[in-house]
């Protein structure tokens, strides 16, 4: 099960690292040295994703033609 956790990238020596909140570590039962997988979403990229796949802003809601359904039921 995935979970979205907001954190900052931190400088650790000549590399960067991510610090996970203690609550997440305890909830997931994570241990030091355990291998985990991360999905990286950069905030500026989310706007493009929302624009591409989100609901169309300003679009009228879809209204189904009730008479079409009633005609099929009478057959």
N, C-alpha and C. Protein backbone atom coordinates (compact mmCIF):
# COMPACT_ATOMS: atom_id res chain seq x y z
N UNK A 1 0.84 -1.17 0.00
CA UNK A 1 0.00 0.00 0.00
C UNK A 1 0.89 1.24 0.00
N UNK A 2 0.60 2.18 -0.86
CA UNK A 2 1.42 3.38 -0.93
C UNK A 2 0.83 4.49 -0.08
N UNK A 3 1.67 5.42 0.26
CA UNK A 3 1.27 6.55 1.08
C UNK A 3 2.04 7.77 0.62
N UNK A 4 1.39 8.91 0.58
CA UNK A 4 2.07 10.14 0.19
C UNK A 4 2.58 10.82 1.45
N UNK A 5 3.88 11.09 1.47
CA UNK A 5 4.52 11.76 2.59
C UNK A 5 5.28 12.95 2.02
N UNK A 6 5.03 14.13 2.56
CA UNK A 6 5.72 15.32 2.09
C UNK A 6 6.95 15.54 2.97
N UNK A 7 8.12 15.64 2.35
CA UNK A 7 9.37 15.84 3.07
C UNK A 7 10.33 16.63 2.19
N UNK A 8 11.45 17.04 2.73
CA UNK A 8 12.43 17.82 1.98
C UNK A 8 13.66 16.98 1.69
N UNK A 9 14.28 17.27 0.57
CA UNK A 9 15.55 16.64 0.21
C UNK A 9 16.64 17.33 1.02
N UNK A 10 17.52 16.55 1.65
CA UNK A 10 18.55 17.11 2.52
C UNK A 10 19.95 16.70 2.04
N UNK A 11 20.90 17.60 2.25
CA UNK A 11 22.28 17.34 1.89
C UNK A 11 22.92 16.49 2.97
N UNK A 12 23.44 15.32 2.58
CA UNK A 12 24.13 14.42 3.50
C UNK A 12 25.48 14.09 2.88
N UNK A 13 26.51 14.78 3.33
CA UNK A 13 27.85 14.61 2.74
C UNK A 13 27.84 15.09 1.30
N UNK A 14 28.23 14.21 0.38
CA UNK A 14 28.24 14.57 -1.04
C UNK A 14 27.00 14.06 -1.76
N UNK A 15 26.02 13.59 -0.99
CA UNK A 15 24.78 13.05 -1.57
C UNK A 15 23.59 13.81 -1.01
N UNK A 16 22.42 13.40 -1.42
CA UNK A 16 21.17 13.92 -0.87
C UNK A 16 20.43 12.76 -0.22
N UNK A 17 19.61 13.08 0.77
CA UNK A 17 18.83 12.06 1.45
C UNK A 17 17.45 12.56 1.78
N UNK A 18 16.58 11.64 2.11
CA UNK A 18 15.20 11.95 2.49
C UNK A 18 14.99 11.44 3.90
N UNK A 19 14.43 12.29 4.76
CA UNK A 19 14.14 11.91 6.14
C UNK A 19 12.65 11.58 6.23
N UNK A 20 12.32 10.38 6.68
CA UNK A 20 10.93 9.99 6.85
C UNK A 20 10.47 10.30 8.27
N UNK A 21 9.25 10.80 8.43
CA UNK A 21 8.75 11.06 9.78
C UNK A 21 8.64 9.77 10.60
N UNK A 22 8.92 9.89 11.90
CA UNK A 22 8.89 8.74 12.80
C UNK A 22 7.55 8.01 12.74
N UNK A 23 6.44 8.76 12.62
CA UNK A 23 5.11 8.13 12.58
C UNK A 23 4.99 7.16 11.41
N UNK A 24 5.54 7.55 10.26
CA UNK A 24 5.49 6.68 9.07
C UNK A 24 6.35 5.44 9.28
N UNK A 25 7.53 5.64 9.86
CA UNK A 25 8.44 4.53 10.11
C UNK A 25 7.79 3.50 11.04
N UNK A 26 7.18 4.00 12.10
CA UNK A 26 6.53 3.10 13.06
C UNK A 26 5.30 2.43 12.47
N UNK A 27 4.49 3.21 11.74
CA UNK A 27 3.26 2.65 11.15
C UNK A 27 3.56 1.55 10.15
N UNK A 28 4.60 1.75 9.35
CA UNK A 28 4.96 0.77 8.32
C UNK A 28 5.88 -0.33 8.85
N UNK A 29 6.38 -0.16 10.08
CA UNK A 29 7.29 -1.16 10.64
C UNK A 29 8.63 -1.20 9.93
N UNK A 30 9.13 -0.05 9.49
CA UNK A 30 10.40 0.01 8.76
C UNK A 30 11.57 -0.13 9.71
N UNK A 31 12.63 -0.76 9.23
CA UNK A 31 13.85 -0.97 10.02
C UNK A 31 15.04 -0.40 9.26
N UNK A 32 16.08 -0.01 10.00
CA UNK A 32 17.30 0.51 9.39
C UNK A 32 17.89 -0.52 8.43
N UNK A 33 18.27 -0.07 7.26
CA UNK A 33 18.86 -0.96 6.26
C UNK A 33 17.84 -1.66 5.37
N UNK A 34 16.56 -1.55 5.73
CA UNK A 34 15.51 -2.19 4.93
C UNK A 34 15.41 -1.49 3.58
N UNK A 35 15.24 -2.26 2.54
CA UNK A 35 15.10 -1.70 1.19
C UNK A 35 13.65 -1.28 0.97
N UNK A 36 13.45 -0.04 0.52
CA UNK A 36 12.11 0.47 0.20
C UNK A 36 12.15 1.08 -1.19
N UNK A 37 10.99 1.31 -1.77
CA UNK A 37 10.89 1.95 -3.07
C UNK A 37 10.22 3.30 -2.91
N UNK A 38 10.72 4.30 -3.62
CA UNK A 38 10.16 5.65 -3.56
C UNK A 38 9.67 6.07 -4.94
N UNK A 39 8.58 6.78 -4.96
CA UNK A 39 8.11 7.44 -6.18
C UNK A 39 8.30 8.92 -5.96
N UNK A 40 8.94 9.60 -6.88
CA UNK A 40 9.26 11.02 -6.70
C UNK A 40 8.33 11.86 -7.57
N UNK A 41 7.57 12.72 -6.91
CA UNK A 41 6.71 13.67 -7.60
C UNK A 41 7.18 15.07 -7.22
N UNK A 42 7.62 15.83 -8.20
CA UNK A 42 8.06 17.19 -7.96
C UNK A 42 6.86 18.10 -8.13
N UNK A 43 6.63 18.99 -7.19
CA UNK A 43 5.43 19.82 -7.15
C UNK A 43 5.15 20.50 -8.49
N UNK A 44 6.15 21.06 -9.15
CA UNK A 44 5.90 21.75 -10.42
C UNK A 44 5.40 20.79 -11.50
N UNK A 45 5.79 19.52 -11.42
CA UNK A 45 5.34 18.52 -12.39
C UNK A 45 3.88 18.14 -12.15
N UNK A 46 3.40 18.25 -10.92
CA UNK A 46 2.02 17.88 -10.61
C UNK A 46 1.03 18.76 -11.34
N UNK A 47 1.35 20.02 -11.55
CA UNK A 47 0.44 20.92 -12.25
C UNK A 47 0.20 20.42 -13.68
N UNK A 48 1.24 19.97 -14.33
CA UNK A 48 1.11 19.43 -15.69
C UNK A 48 0.28 18.15 -15.67
N UNK A 49 0.49 17.30 -14.68
CA UNK A 49 -0.27 16.06 -14.58
C UNK A 49 -1.75 16.37 -14.36
N UNK A 50 -2.04 17.29 -13.43
CA UNK A 50 -3.44 17.66 -13.16
C UNK A 50 -4.09 18.26 -14.40
N UNK A 51 -3.34 19.07 -15.13
CA UNK A 51 -3.87 19.70 -16.34
C UNK A 51 -4.17 18.65 -17.42
N UNK A 52 -3.29 17.66 -17.52
CA UNK A 52 -3.44 16.65 -18.56
C UNK A 52 -4.51 15.62 -18.24
N UNK A 53 -4.60 15.20 -16.97
CA UNK A 53 -5.48 14.10 -16.62
C UNK A 53 -6.62 14.47 -15.67
N UNK A 54 -6.63 15.70 -15.17
CA UNK A 54 -7.65 16.11 -14.23
C UNK A 54 -8.95 16.45 -14.94
N UNK A 55 -9.95 16.82 -14.15
CA UNK A 55 -11.23 17.21 -14.73
C UNK A 55 -11.06 18.49 -15.53
N UNK A 56 -11.79 18.62 -16.60
CA UNK A 56 -11.74 19.82 -17.42
C UNK A 56 -12.41 20.96 -16.65
N UNK A 57 -11.66 22.01 -16.44
CA UNK A 57 -12.23 23.14 -15.71
C UNK A 57 -13.17 23.90 -16.61
N UNK A 58 -14.31 24.28 -16.07
CA UNK A 58 -15.28 25.05 -16.84
C UNK A 58 -16.20 24.20 -17.70
N UNK A 59 -15.97 22.89 -17.71
CA UNK A 59 -16.82 22.01 -18.52
C UNK A 59 -18.15 21.80 -17.81
N UNK A 60 -19.20 21.70 -18.59
CA UNK A 60 -20.53 21.45 -18.02
C UNK A 60 -20.63 19.99 -17.60
N UNK A 61 -21.31 19.70 -16.50
CA UNK A 61 -21.47 18.30 -16.09
C UNK A 61 -22.24 17.49 -17.12
N UNK A 62 -21.89 16.23 -17.21
CA UNK A 62 -22.54 15.34 -18.17
C UNK A 62 -23.96 15.02 -17.69
N UNK A 63 -24.92 15.15 -18.60
CA UNK A 63 -26.31 14.82 -18.28
C UNK A 63 -26.76 13.74 -19.25
N UNK A 64 -27.15 12.60 -18.74
CA UNK A 64 -27.60 11.49 -19.58
C UNK A 64 -29.03 11.72 -20.00
N UNK A 65 -29.33 11.36 -21.21
CA UNK A 65 -30.68 11.50 -21.74
C UNK A 65 -31.56 10.40 -21.16
N UNK A 66 -32.46 10.77 -20.27
CA UNK A 66 -33.33 9.82 -19.59
C UNK A 66 -34.25 9.08 -20.56
N UNK A 67 -34.70 9.75 -21.61
CA UNK A 67 -35.63 9.11 -22.55
C UNK A 67 -34.96 7.94 -23.27
N UNK A 68 -33.66 8.04 -23.50
CA UNK A 68 -32.94 6.95 -24.15
C UNK A 68 -33.00 5.69 -23.28
N UNK A 69 -32.79 5.81 -21.99
CA UNK A 69 -32.83 4.66 -21.09
C UNK A 69 -34.24 4.09 -20.97
N UNK A 70 -35.24 4.95 -20.92
CA UNK A 70 -36.62 4.50 -20.79
C UNK A 70 -37.06 3.73 -22.05
N UNK A 71 -36.62 4.19 -23.20
CA UNK A 71 -36.99 3.52 -24.45
C UNK A 71 -36.43 2.09 -24.47
N UNK A 72 -35.21 1.90 -23.97
CA UNK A 72 -34.62 0.57 -23.94
C UNK A 72 -35.36 -0.36 -22.97
N UNK A 73 -35.87 0.18 -21.89
CA UNK A 73 -36.57 -0.64 -20.91
C UNK A 73 -37.92 -1.13 -21.44
N UNK A 74 -38.56 -0.36 -22.31
CA UNK A 74 -39.88 -0.71 -22.84
C UNK A 74 -39.81 -1.80 -23.89
N UNK A 75 -38.64 -2.08 -24.44
CA UNK A 75 -38.52 -3.06 -25.51
C UNK A 75 -38.64 -4.47 -24.99
